Amino acid sequence: MSIKDQPQIEMDDPSDQEEDWFRPKRKMPNILITGTPGTGKTTHCELLISSSSTFASSSSTPIQLKSINIGEFVKENECHQGWDETWESFMVDDDKLLDALEPLLTSPDGGIVLDWHSSSLFPEDWLDLIIVLRTPHTQLWDRLAKRQYALEKIQENNMAEIMGECLNEAHTHYPPEIVIELQSEQIESIEENVQRILTWIDHWLKDNSE
C-alpha cells in the first residue's frame, strides 16, 4: 500500500492540548519513538536528527535534538543483568536504566529522542510525544528475516505487531493526546513522518515560548 492510500492520522497541535501542570518546563520536547522491532525506529531517529538542522522552523528557537538508542545505551552503561542466549539480547535492569537516563531526560534542555521497542518503563513527565510506528506484518516478517532473527523471535514480534501491543502499551501508560500512531512502510512514508514530527516540534516551541 502506498503512502497515498494510507489513512491520514492527525497529529494534534500542542497548543490545542490541555496544559499539564505537572509537566516540567524544558527548552525542547522529549520524544519516544517506539514500535515492534523492524518497524523503522532507528531509521526514523537518524533521519529526524539529520533533518532537524535544516528544517525551516517558524520559531526563533532552532530545533536541537539528540537521539539515544536504548539498546546501545544499556550495553554502554551496563544497565543489564547479563546476556540472554535465547533472545540474543541483554536482560535490561530497569532500575539501573532509569537511574542512568534520569539526568538526561529531566534536564531543562530537553531535546532527547529515545529509540526503544517498549514505552511503559519511562515516567510520564519525562516525555512530551510518543510516536508508535506500525508496519504491515508481512513486510515486518521480511525485514526481521533479513536481520537473520531466529524463527521464534520473528514469530513473536510478528504476532506483537498484529495485536498492536506497542500501541496498546503506549495508550495504557500515557495521555492519549501525546500518543501518535504512524505508518512506516516505504522511505516516502518515513520522510513524511519525520516532517510531521518536526512540524509538531515547531508548534511545541512556539506554544512553550510564551
N, C-alpha and C. Protein backbone atom coordinates (compact mmCIF):
# COMPACT_ATOMS: atom_id res chain seq x y z
N MET A 1 0.85 -1.19 0.00
CA MET A 1 0.00 0.00 0.00
C MET A 1 0.89 1.23 0.00
N SER A 2 0.63 2.18 -0.88
CA SER A 2 1.43 3.39 -0.96
C SER A 2 1.02 4.36 0.11
N ILE A 3 1.85 5.38 0.32
CA ILE A 3 1.55 6.37 1.34
C ILE A 3 0.27 7.12 1.00
N LYS A 4 -0.05 7.26 -0.30
CA LYS A 4 -1.26 7.95 -0.70
C LYS A 4 -2.51 7.18 -0.30
N ASP A 5 -2.38 5.86 -0.22
CA ASP A 5 -3.53 5.03 0.11
C ASP A 5 -3.73 4.88 1.61
N GLN A 6 -2.77 5.32 2.40
CA GLN A 6 -2.86 5.14 3.84
C GLN A 6 -3.82 6.14 4.45
N PRO A 7 -4.58 5.73 5.46
CA PRO A 7 -5.44 6.69 6.15
C PRO A 7 -4.59 7.73 6.86
N GLN A 8 -4.96 8.98 6.75
CA GLN A 8 -4.20 10.05 7.37
C GLN A 8 -4.49 10.13 8.86
N ILE A 9 -3.44 10.17 9.66
CA ILE A 9 -3.58 10.25 11.11
C ILE A 9 -3.18 11.64 11.54
N GLU A 10 -4.09 12.33 12.17
CA GLU A 10 -3.84 13.70 12.56
C GLU A 10 -2.94 13.76 13.80
N MET A 11 -1.93 14.62 13.74
CA MET A 11 -1.09 14.89 14.90
C MET A 11 -1.61 16.16 15.54
N ASP A 12 -1.99 16.08 16.79
CA ASP A 12 -2.55 17.24 17.48
C ASP A 12 -1.54 18.36 17.56
N ASP A 13 -2.02 19.58 17.37
CA ASP A 13 -1.20 20.77 17.62
C ASP A 13 -1.02 20.87 19.12
N PRO A 14 0.23 20.95 19.61
CA PRO A 14 0.44 21.02 21.06
C PRO A 14 -0.33 22.16 21.72
N SER A 15 -0.59 23.24 20.97
CA SER A 15 -1.30 24.37 21.55
C SER A 15 -2.75 24.05 21.82
N ASP A 16 -3.27 22.96 21.19
CA ASP A 16 -4.65 22.56 21.41
C ASP A 16 -4.81 21.64 22.61
N GLN A 17 -3.71 21.17 23.16
CA GLN A 17 -3.76 20.25 24.28
C GLN A 17 -3.94 21.01 25.59
N GLU A 18 -4.62 20.36 26.53
CA GLU A 18 -4.78 20.98 27.84
C GLU A 18 -3.42 21.08 28.52
N GLU A 19 -3.20 22.16 29.22
CA GLU A 19 -1.92 22.37 29.90
C GLU A 19 -1.76 21.36 31.03
N ASP A 20 -0.62 20.70 31.06
CA ASP A 20 -0.33 19.73 32.12
C ASP A 20 0.50 20.43 33.18
N TRP A 21 -0.08 20.71 34.32
CA TRP A 21 0.63 21.44 35.37
C TRP A 21 1.83 20.68 35.90
N PHE A 22 1.79 19.35 35.77
CA PHE A 22 2.86 18.53 36.32
C PHE A 22 3.99 18.32 35.32
N ARG A 23 3.83 18.74 34.07
CA ARG A 23 4.86 18.50 33.07
C ARG A 23 5.91 19.61 33.17
N PRO A 24 7.17 19.26 33.44
CA PRO A 24 8.19 20.27 33.68
C PRO A 24 8.49 21.09 32.44
N LYS A 25 8.91 22.32 32.67
CA LYS A 25 9.28 23.22 31.58
C LYS A 25 10.66 22.83 31.06
N ARG A 26 10.80 22.71 29.76
CA ARG A 26 12.09 22.46 29.15
C ARG A 26 12.15 23.20 27.81
N LYS A 27 13.36 23.39 27.33
CA LYS A 27 13.56 24.19 26.13
C LYS A 27 13.11 23.47 24.87
N MET A 28 13.23 22.14 24.88
CA MET A 28 12.93 21.34 23.70
C MET A 28 12.16 20.10 24.17
N PRO A 29 11.18 19.62 23.40
CA PRO A 29 10.41 18.46 23.84
C PRO A 29 11.23 17.17 23.80
N ASN A 30 10.93 16.27 24.72
CA ASN A 30 11.49 14.92 24.69
C ASN A 30 10.50 14.00 23.98
N ILE A 31 11.03 13.12 23.14
CA ILE A 31 10.19 12.28 22.29
C ILE A 31 10.64 10.83 22.41
N LEU A 32 9.68 9.92 22.42
CA LEU A 32 9.96 8.49 22.34
C LEU A 32 9.44 7.98 21.01
N ILE A 33 10.31 7.33 20.24
CA ILE A 33 9.89 6.64 19.02
C ILE A 33 9.95 5.15 19.33
N THR A 34 8.78 4.53 19.33
CA THR A 34 8.67 3.13 19.74
C THR A 34 7.96 2.31 18.67
N GLY A 35 7.95 1.02 18.85
CA GLY A 35 7.32 0.12 17.89
C GLY A 35 7.99 -1.24 17.94
N THR A 36 7.35 -2.21 17.35
CA THR A 36 7.90 -3.56 17.27
C THR A 36 9.26 -3.52 16.56
N PRO A 37 10.22 -4.36 16.96
CA PRO A 37 11.49 -4.42 16.23
C PRO A 37 11.24 -4.61 14.73
N GLY A 38 11.90 -3.78 13.92
CA GLY A 38 11.74 -3.88 12.48
C GLY A 38 10.81 -2.85 11.88
N THR A 39 10.19 -2.01 12.71
CA THR A 39 9.26 -1.00 12.19
C THR A 39 9.96 0.29 11.76
N GLY A 40 11.25 0.40 12.00
CA GLY A 40 11.98 1.56 11.49
C GLY A 40 12.28 2.63 12.52
N LYS A 41 12.36 2.25 13.78
CA LYS A 41 12.59 3.25 14.84
C LYS A 41 13.92 3.98 14.64
N THR A 42 14.99 3.22 14.47
CA THR A 42 16.32 3.82 14.34
C THR A 42 16.43 4.66 13.07
N THR A 43 15.84 4.18 11.98
CA THR A 43 15.84 4.94 10.74
C THR A 43 15.13 6.27 10.92
N HIS A 44 13.97 6.25 11.59
CA HIS A 44 13.25 7.49 11.87
C HIS A 44 14.09 8.44 12.73
N CYS A 45 14.71 7.89 13.78
CA CYS A 45 15.52 8.72 14.67
C CYS A 45 16.67 9.38 13.93
N GLU A 46 17.37 8.60 13.13
CA GLU A 46 18.52 9.13 12.41
C GLU A 46 18.10 10.23 11.43
N LEU A 47 16.99 10.00 10.71
CA LEU A 47 16.52 11.00 9.76
C LEU A 47 15.99 12.23 10.48
N LEU A 48 15.35 12.02 11.62
CA LEU A 48 14.84 13.15 12.40
C LEU A 48 15.99 14.05 12.86
N ILE A 49 17.05 13.44 13.35
CA ILE A 49 18.20 14.22 13.83
C ILE A 49 18.86 14.97 12.68
N SER A 50 19.08 14.27 11.56
CA SER A 50 19.77 14.90 10.43
C SER A 50 18.92 15.98 9.76
N SER A 51 17.59 15.82 9.81
CA SER A 51 16.70 16.79 9.16
C SER A 51 16.41 18.01 10.03
N SER A 52 16.62 17.88 11.33
CA SER A 52 16.25 18.96 12.24
C SER A 52 17.05 20.24 12.00
N SER A 53 18.31 20.08 11.60
CA SER A 53 19.17 21.26 11.42
C SER A 53 18.79 22.07 10.20
N THR A 54 18.11 21.46 9.23
CA THR A 54 17.75 22.17 8.00
C THR A 54 16.26 22.47 7.93
N PHE A 55 15.51 22.09 8.95
CA PHE A 55 14.07 22.33 8.95
C PHE A 55 13.78 23.82 9.06
N ALA A 56 12.87 24.30 8.22
CA ALA A 56 12.53 25.72 8.21
C ALA A 56 11.55 26.02 9.34
N SER A 57 12.08 26.19 10.52
CA SER A 57 11.25 26.43 11.70
C SER A 57 10.70 27.85 11.70
N SER A 58 9.44 27.98 12.09
CA SER A 58 8.83 29.31 12.22
C SER A 58 9.11 29.91 13.59
N SER A 59 9.72 29.10 14.46
CA SER A 59 10.06 29.57 15.79
C SER A 59 11.44 30.21 15.77
N SER A 60 11.68 31.11 16.69
CA SER A 60 13.00 31.74 16.79
C SER A 60 14.03 30.80 17.40
N THR A 61 13.55 29.69 17.97
CA THR A 61 14.43 28.72 18.61
C THR A 61 14.78 27.60 17.63
N PRO A 62 16.06 27.39 17.31
CA PRO A 62 16.43 26.30 16.41
C PRO A 62 16.15 24.95 17.06
N ILE A 63 15.76 23.99 16.23
CA ILE A 63 15.46 22.65 16.74
C ILE A 63 16.77 21.90 16.95
N GLN A 64 17.03 21.51 18.18
CA GLN A 64 18.25 20.78 18.54
C GLN A 64 17.86 19.49 19.25
N LEU A 65 18.20 18.37 18.64
CA LEU A 65 17.80 17.07 19.15
C LEU A 65 19.01 16.14 19.30
N LYS A 66 18.88 15.20 20.22
CA LYS A 66 19.90 14.16 20.42
C LYS A 66 19.18 12.83 20.60
N SER A 67 19.57 11.83 19.83
CA SER A 67 18.91 10.53 19.93
C SER A 67 19.68 9.59 20.85
N ILE A 68 18.92 8.75 21.55
CA ILE A 68 19.50 7.72 22.41
C ILE A 68 18.87 6.39 22.04
N ASN A 69 19.67 5.50 21.48
CA ASN A 69 19.23 4.14 21.21
C ASN A 69 19.35 3.37 22.53
N ILE A 70 18.21 3.00 23.09
CA ILE A 70 18.23 2.40 24.43
C ILE A 70 19.00 1.09 24.45
N GLY A 71 18.91 0.30 23.39
CA GLY A 71 19.65 -0.95 23.34
C GLY A 71 21.15 -0.72 23.47
N GLU A 72 21.66 0.27 22.75
CA GLU A 72 23.09 0.59 22.83
C GLU A 72 23.42 1.23 24.17
N PHE A 73 22.51 2.07 24.68
CA PHE A 73 22.72 2.73 25.96
C PHE A 73 22.83 1.71 27.08
N VAL A 74 21.98 0.70 27.05
CA VAL A 74 22.01 -0.37 28.06
C VAL A 74 23.36 -1.06 28.06
N LYS A 75 23.88 -1.36 26.88
CA LYS A 75 25.16 -2.04 26.77
C LYS A 75 26.31 -1.14 27.24
N GLU A 76 26.33 0.10 26.76
CA GLU A 76 27.44 1.01 27.07
C GLU A 76 27.49 1.38 28.54
N ASN A 77 26.32 1.47 29.19
CA ASN A 77 26.27 1.89 30.59
C ASN A 77 26.03 0.72 31.55
N GLU A 78 26.10 -0.49 31.02
CA GLU A 78 25.96 -1.72 31.81
C GLU A 78 24.67 -1.72 32.63
N CYS A 79 23.58 -1.32 31.98
CA CYS A 79 22.27 -1.31 32.65
C CYS A 79 21.54 -2.62 32.37
N HIS A 80 22.21 -3.72 32.67
CA HIS A 80 21.63 -5.02 32.36
C HIS A 80 22.07 -6.06 33.38
N GLN A 81 21.44 -7.23 33.28
CA GLN A 81 21.75 -8.34 34.18
C GLN A 81 22.37 -9.50 33.44
N GLY A 82 23.01 -9.20 32.32
CA GLY A 82 23.66 -10.26 31.56
C GLY A 82 22.99 -10.49 30.21
N TRP A 83 23.54 -11.43 29.48
CA TRP A 83 23.11 -11.73 28.12
C TRP A 83 22.14 -12.90 28.10
N ASP A 84 21.04 -12.72 27.37
CA ASP A 84 20.05 -13.79 27.21
C ASP A 84 20.33 -14.52 25.91
N GLU A 85 20.82 -15.75 26.01
CA GLU A 85 21.20 -16.51 24.82
C GLU A 85 19.99 -16.84 23.95
N THR A 86 18.84 -17.08 24.58
CA THR A 86 17.65 -17.46 23.82
C THR A 86 17.19 -16.34 22.90
N TRP A 87 17.12 -15.12 23.45
CA TRP A 87 16.62 -13.99 22.67
C TRP A 87 17.73 -13.12 22.11
N GLU A 88 18.97 -13.51 22.37
CA GLU A 88 20.14 -12.82 21.83
C GLU A 88 20.08 -11.32 22.11
N SER A 89 19.88 -11.00 23.38
CA SER A 89 19.82 -9.60 23.80
C SER A 89 20.16 -9.50 25.28
N PHE A 90 20.49 -8.30 25.73
CA PHE A 90 20.78 -8.09 27.14
C PHE A 90 19.48 -8.05 27.94
N MET A 91 19.53 -8.59 29.16
CA MET A 91 18.38 -8.53 30.06
C MET A 91 18.46 -7.19 30.79
N VAL A 92 17.57 -6.28 30.45
CA VAL A 92 17.63 -4.91 30.95
C VAL A 92 17.34 -4.85 32.45
N ASP A 93 18.17 -4.12 33.17
CA ASP A 93 17.93 -3.82 34.58
C ASP A 93 17.20 -2.48 34.61
N ASP A 94 15.90 -2.52 34.84
CA ASP A 94 15.08 -1.31 34.75
C ASP A 94 15.57 -0.20 35.68
N ASP A 95 15.90 -0.55 36.91
CA ASP A 95 16.32 0.46 37.88
C ASP A 95 17.62 1.15 37.45
N LYS A 96 18.59 0.36 37.00
CA LYS A 96 19.85 0.94 36.54
C LYS A 96 19.63 1.84 35.32
N LEU A 97 18.76 1.39 34.42
CA LEU A 97 18.50 2.16 33.21
C LEU A 97 17.85 3.50 33.54
N LEU A 98 16.84 3.47 34.40
CA LEU A 98 16.17 4.71 34.77
C LEU A 98 17.11 5.67 35.50
N ASP A 99 17.95 5.13 36.38
CA ASP A 99 18.91 5.97 37.09
C ASP A 99 19.88 6.65 36.12
N ALA A 100 20.30 5.90 35.10
CA ALA A 100 21.25 6.45 34.13
C ALA A 100 20.60 7.47 33.21
N LEU A 101 19.33 7.27 32.90
CA LEU A 101 18.62 8.16 31.98
C LEU A 101 18.09 9.43 32.66
N GLU A 102 17.84 9.34 33.96
CA GLU A 102 17.16 10.44 34.65
C GLU A 102 17.80 11.81 34.44
N PRO A 103 19.11 11.96 34.62
CA PRO A 103 19.69 13.30 34.43
C PRO A 103 19.55 13.82 33.00
N LEU A 104 19.44 12.93 32.04
CA LEU A 104 19.30 13.34 30.64
C LEU A 104 17.87 13.75 30.32
N LEU A 105 16.91 12.97 30.82
CA LEU A 105 15.50 13.22 30.50
C LEU A 105 14.87 14.30 31.36
N THR A 106 15.49 14.63 32.48
CA THR A 106 14.96 15.70 33.33
C THR A 106 15.74 17.00 33.18
N SER A 107 16.70 17.02 32.28
CA SER A 107 17.47 18.24 32.02
C SER A 107 16.55 19.32 31.46
N PRO A 108 16.74 20.58 31.85
CA PRO A 108 15.92 21.67 31.30
C PRO A 108 16.14 21.90 29.81
N ASP A 109 17.21 21.33 29.26
CA ASP A 109 17.46 21.49 27.82
C ASP A 109 16.49 20.65 26.99
N GLY A 110 16.16 19.44 27.47
CA GLY A 110 15.27 18.57 26.71
C GLY A 110 15.89 18.17 25.38
N GLY A 111 15.04 17.89 24.39
CA GLY A 111 15.52 17.55 23.05
C GLY A 111 16.03 16.14 22.91
N ILE A 112 15.65 15.24 23.83
CA ILE A 112 16.08 13.85 23.76
C ILE A 112 15.06 13.04 22.97
N VAL A 113 15.55 12.25 22.01
CA VAL A 113 14.71 11.35 21.23
C VAL A 113 15.11 9.92 21.57
N LEU A 114 14.23 9.21 22.26
CA LEU A 114 14.51 7.84 22.66
C LEU A 114 14.08 6.86 21.56
N ASP A 115 14.87 5.83 21.36
CA ASP A 115 14.61 4.78 20.38
C ASP A 115 14.53 3.46 21.14
N TRP A 116 13.30 2.93 21.29
CA TRP A 116 13.13 1.72 22.10
C TRP A 116 11.83 1.02 21.75
N HIS A 117 11.80 -0.29 21.88
CA HIS A 117 10.61 -1.05 21.48
C HIS A 117 9.53 -1.10 22.56
N SER A 118 9.80 -0.51 23.71
CA SER A 118 8.82 -0.51 24.79
C SER A 118 8.67 0.91 25.34
N SER A 119 7.49 1.21 25.87
CA SER A 119 7.25 2.57 26.36
C SER A 119 6.90 2.65 27.84
N SER A 120 6.47 1.56 28.43
CA SER A 120 5.89 1.60 29.77
C SER A 120 6.89 1.93 30.87
N LEU A 121 8.17 1.77 30.60
CA LEU A 121 9.19 1.97 31.63
C LEU A 121 9.36 3.44 32.02
N PHE A 122 9.17 4.35 31.08
CA PHE A 122 9.56 5.74 31.29
C PHE A 122 8.47 6.55 31.99
N PRO A 123 8.85 7.35 33.00
CA PRO A 123 7.87 8.20 33.69
C PRO A 123 7.18 9.16 32.71
N GLU A 124 5.91 9.39 32.96
CA GLU A 124 5.12 10.22 32.05
C GLU A 124 5.69 11.62 31.88
N ASP A 125 6.20 12.19 32.98
CA ASP A 125 6.67 13.58 32.89
C ASP A 125 8.03 13.72 32.21
N TRP A 126 8.61 12.62 31.78
CA TRP A 126 9.85 12.69 31.01
C TRP A 126 9.58 13.00 29.54
N LEU A 127 8.39 12.70 29.06
CA LEU A 127 8.13 12.69 27.63
C LEU A 127 7.00 13.64 27.24
N ASP A 128 7.14 14.21 26.04
CA ASP A 128 6.13 15.12 25.52
C ASP A 128 5.40 14.56 24.30
N LEU A 129 6.00 13.58 23.65
CA LEU A 129 5.38 12.97 22.47
C LEU A 129 5.83 11.52 22.36
N ILE A 130 4.87 10.63 22.11
CA ILE A 130 5.14 9.21 21.90
C ILE A 130 4.74 8.87 20.47
N ILE A 131 5.70 8.47 19.65
CA ILE A 131 5.42 8.04 18.29
C ILE A 131 5.46 6.51 18.25
N VAL A 132 4.36 5.90 17.84
CA VAL A 132 4.30 4.44 17.71
C VAL A 132 4.28 4.10 16.22
N LEU A 133 5.31 3.44 15.75
CA LEU A 133 5.42 3.08 14.34
C LEU A 133 4.73 1.74 14.09
N ARG A 134 4.02 1.66 12.96
CA ARG A 134 3.32 0.44 12.58
C ARG A 134 3.74 0.02 11.17
N THR A 135 3.90 -1.28 10.98
CA THR A 135 4.30 -1.84 9.69
C THR A 135 3.45 -3.07 9.40
N PRO A 136 2.97 -3.27 8.16
CA PRO A 136 2.23 -4.49 7.83
C PRO A 136 3.04 -5.72 8.23
N HIS A 137 2.36 -6.70 8.83
CA HIS A 137 3.11 -7.82 9.42
C HIS A 137 3.88 -8.64 8.40
N THR A 138 3.39 -8.71 7.15
CA THR A 138 4.14 -9.46 6.14
C THR A 138 5.45 -8.75 5.80
N GLN A 139 5.40 -7.44 5.74
CA GLN A 139 6.61 -6.66 5.49
C GLN A 139 7.56 -6.74 6.68
N LEU A 140 6.99 -6.73 7.88
CA LEU A 140 7.81 -6.84 9.08
C LEU A 140 8.54 -8.18 9.11
N TRP A 141 7.84 -9.25 8.75
CA TRP A 141 8.45 -10.59 8.73
C TRP A 141 9.67 -10.58 7.82
N ASP A 142 9.53 -10.00 6.64
CA ASP A 142 10.65 -9.97 5.69
C ASP A 142 11.83 -9.19 6.25
N ARG A 143 11.55 -8.07 6.92
CA ARG A 143 12.63 -7.26 7.49
C ARG A 143 13.39 -8.04 8.56
N LEU A 144 12.66 -8.72 9.43
CA LEU A 144 13.31 -9.45 10.52
C LEU A 144 14.08 -10.66 9.99
N ALA A 145 13.56 -11.28 8.94
CA ALA A 145 14.25 -12.41 8.33
C ALA A 145 15.58 -11.95 7.73
N LYS A 146 15.60 -10.75 7.14
CA LYS A 146 16.83 -10.21 6.58
C LYS A 146 17.86 -9.91 7.67
N ARG A 147 17.36 -9.65 8.87
CA ARG A 147 18.26 -9.43 10.01
C ARG A 147 18.76 -10.75 10.60
N GLN A 148 18.27 -11.84 10.04
CA GLN A 148 18.63 -13.19 10.48
C GLN A 148 18.20 -13.46 11.92
N TYR A 149 17.02 -12.93 12.27
CA TYR A 149 16.44 -13.25 13.57
C TYR A 149 16.05 -14.73 13.60
N ALA A 150 16.10 -15.33 14.78
CA ALA A 150 15.63 -16.71 14.93
C ALA A 150 14.14 -16.76 14.63
N LEU A 151 13.68 -17.89 14.11
CA LEU A 151 12.28 -18.03 13.71
C LEU A 151 11.34 -17.72 14.86
N GLU A 152 11.64 -18.20 16.06
CA GLU A 152 10.78 -17.96 17.21
C GLU A 152 10.68 -16.46 17.51
N LYS A 153 11.79 -15.75 17.34
CA LYS A 153 11.81 -14.31 17.60
C LYS A 153 11.00 -13.56 16.53
N ILE A 154 11.11 -14.01 15.29
CA ILE A 154 10.32 -13.40 14.21
C ILE A 154 8.84 -13.61 14.46
N GLN A 155 8.47 -14.82 14.84
CA GLN A 155 7.06 -15.13 15.08
C GLN A 155 6.49 -14.29 16.23
N GLU A 156 7.25 -14.17 17.32
CA GLU A 156 6.77 -13.41 18.47
C GLU A 156 6.60 -11.93 18.12
N ASN A 157 7.59 -11.36 17.44
CA ASN A 157 7.49 -9.95 17.07
C ASN A 157 6.38 -9.71 16.05
N ASN A 158 6.20 -10.65 15.13
CA ASN A 158 5.16 -10.52 14.13
C ASN A 158 3.77 -10.55 14.79
N MET A 159 3.59 -11.43 15.75
CA MET A 159 2.32 -11.51 16.46
C MET A 159 2.09 -10.25 17.29
N ALA A 160 3.16 -9.72 17.89
CA ALA A 160 3.03 -8.49 18.67
C ALA A 160 2.56 -7.34 17.79
N GLU A 161 3.05 -7.30 16.55
CA GLU A 161 2.64 -6.23 15.63
C GLU A 161 1.18 -6.42 15.21
N ILE A 162 0.80 -7.64 14.92
CA ILE A 162 -0.59 -7.92 14.54
C ILE A 162 -1.55 -7.50 15.65
N MET A 163 -1.17 -7.77 16.90
CA MET A 163 -2.03 -7.46 18.04
C MET A 163 -1.93 -6.00 18.48
N GLY A 164 -1.00 -5.26 17.89
CA GLY A 164 -0.84 -3.85 18.25
C GLY A 164 -0.36 -3.65 19.68
N GLU A 165 0.56 -4.51 20.13
CA GLU A 165 0.98 -4.46 21.53
C GLU A 165 1.69 -3.15 21.89
N CYS A 166 2.54 -2.65 21.01
CA CYS A 166 3.26 -1.40 21.33
C CYS A 166 2.31 -0.22 21.43
N LEU A 167 1.31 -0.18 20.54
CA LEU A 167 0.33 0.90 20.58
C LEU A 167 -0.52 0.80 21.84
N ASN A 168 -0.96 -0.40 22.17
CA ASN A 168 -1.77 -0.59 23.38
C ASN A 168 -0.99 -0.21 24.64
N GLU A 169 0.29 -0.57 24.66
CA GLU A 169 1.14 -0.25 25.80
C GLU A 169 1.25 1.27 25.98
N ALA A 170 1.46 1.98 24.88
CA ALA A 170 1.59 3.43 24.95
C ALA A 170 0.29 4.08 25.42
N HIS A 171 -0.84 3.61 24.90
CA HIS A 171 -2.13 4.17 25.30
C HIS A 171 -2.44 3.88 26.77
N THR A 172 -1.92 2.78 27.28
CA THR A 172 -2.17 2.41 28.67
C THR A 172 -1.39 3.30 29.64
N HIS A 173 -0.22 3.74 29.24
CA HIS A 173 0.68 4.43 30.18
C HIS A 173 0.81 5.94 29.97
N TYR A 174 0.25 6.47 28.89
CA TYR A 174 0.41 7.90 28.62
C TYR A 174 -0.91 8.53 28.19
N PRO A 175 -1.06 9.84 28.37
CA PRO A 175 -2.28 10.52 27.93
C PRO A 175 -2.48 10.33 26.42
N PRO A 176 -3.70 10.10 25.99
CA PRO A 176 -3.95 9.83 24.57
C PRO A 176 -3.52 10.94 23.64
N GLU A 177 -3.53 12.19 24.13
CA GLU A 177 -3.20 13.31 23.26
C GLU A 177 -1.72 13.38 22.89
N ILE A 178 -0.85 12.64 23.58
CA ILE A 178 0.57 12.67 23.21
C ILE A 178 1.01 11.38 22.53
N VAL A 179 0.09 10.44 22.31
CA VAL A 179 0.42 9.17 21.64
C VAL A 179 -0.05 9.24 20.19
N ILE A 180 0.88 9.11 19.25
CA ILE A 180 0.57 9.21 17.83
C ILE A 180 1.02 7.93 17.12
N GLU A 181 0.13 7.36 16.33
CA GLU A 181 0.43 6.17 15.54
C GLU A 181 0.75 6.59 14.11
N LEU A 182 1.89 6.14 13.58
CA LEU A 182 2.30 6.47 12.22
C LEU A 182 2.68 5.21 11.46
N GLN A 183 2.30 5.16 10.19
CA GLN A 183 2.65 4.03 9.34
C GLN A 183 4.09 4.14 8.87
N SER A 184 4.81 3.03 8.87
CA SER A 184 6.22 3.01 8.47
C SER A 184 6.42 1.88 7.47
N GLU A 185 6.34 2.23 6.19
CA GLU A 185 6.47 1.21 5.15
C GLU A 185 7.62 1.54 4.20
N GLN A 186 7.38 2.45 3.26
CA GLN A 186 8.42 2.83 2.31
C GLN A 186 9.18 4.05 2.83
N ILE A 187 10.26 4.39 2.12
CA ILE A 187 11.08 5.54 2.51
C ILE A 187 10.25 6.82 2.44
N GLU A 188 9.28 6.87 1.50
CA GLU A 188 8.44 8.07 1.39
C GLU A 188 7.64 8.30 2.66
N SER A 189 7.12 7.22 3.24
CA SER A 189 6.33 7.39 4.47
C SER A 189 7.21 7.80 5.63
N ILE A 190 8.45 7.32 5.66
CA ILE A 190 9.38 7.70 6.72
C ILE A 190 9.71 9.19 6.62
N GLU A 191 9.98 9.65 5.42
CA GLU A 191 10.29 11.06 5.22
C GLU A 191 9.10 11.94 5.61
N GLU A 192 7.91 11.51 5.24
CA GLU A 192 6.71 12.27 5.60
C GLU A 192 6.52 12.29 7.11
N ASN A 193 6.74 11.15 7.76
CA ASN A 193 6.61 11.09 9.22
C ASN A 193 7.55 12.06 9.90
N VAL A 194 8.79 12.09 9.44
CA VAL A 194 9.80 12.96 10.05
C VAL A 194 9.39 14.43 9.91
N GLN A 195 8.88 14.81 8.74
CA GLN A 195 8.44 16.19 8.55
C GLN A 195 7.27 16.53 9.46
N ARG A 196 6.38 15.58 9.68
CA ARG A 196 5.24 15.81 10.57
C ARG A 196 5.71 15.97 12.02
N ILE A 197 6.70 15.19 12.41
CA ILE A 197 7.24 15.30 13.77
C ILE A 197 7.93 16.66 13.95
N LEU A 198 8.71 17.07 12.95
CA LEU A 198 9.38 18.36 13.03
C LEU A 198 8.37 19.51 13.09
N THR A 199 7.29 19.39 12.35
CA THR A 199 6.24 20.41 12.40
C THR A 199 5.61 20.46 13.78
N TRP A 200 5.40 19.29 14.37
CA TRP A 200 4.85 19.23 15.74
C TRP A 200 5.80 19.92 16.71
N ILE A 201 7.10 19.64 16.59
CA ILE A 201 8.09 20.27 17.47
C ILE A 201 8.04 21.79 17.30
N ASP A 202 7.93 22.24 16.06
CA ASP A 202 7.87 23.67 15.79
C ASP A 202 6.68 24.31 16.50
N HIS A 203 5.51 23.66 16.45
CA HIS A 203 4.34 24.16 17.16
C HIS A 203 4.58 24.15 18.67
N TRP A 204 5.22 23.09 19.15
CA TRP A 204 5.51 22.97 20.59
C TRP A 204 6.39 24.13 21.05
N LEU A 205 7.41 24.44 20.26
CA LEU A 205 8.33 25.52 20.63
C LEU A 205 7.61 26.86 20.70
N LYS A 206 6.75 27.12 19.73
CA LYS A 206 6.00 28.39 19.75
C LYS A 206 5.06 28.45 20.95
N ASP A 207 4.41 27.33 21.23
CA ASP A 207 3.44 27.28 22.33
C ASP A 207 4.13 27.43 23.68
N ASN A 208 5.35 26.93 23.80
CA ASN A 208 6.05 26.94 25.09
C ASN A 208 7.02 28.10 25.24
N SER A 209 7.07 28.97 24.26
CA SER A 209 7.94 30.14 24.37
C SER A 209 7.21 31.32 24.99
N GLU A 210 5.89 31.16 25.15
CA GLU A 210 5.08 32.25 25.70
C GLU A 210 5.21 32.33 27.21
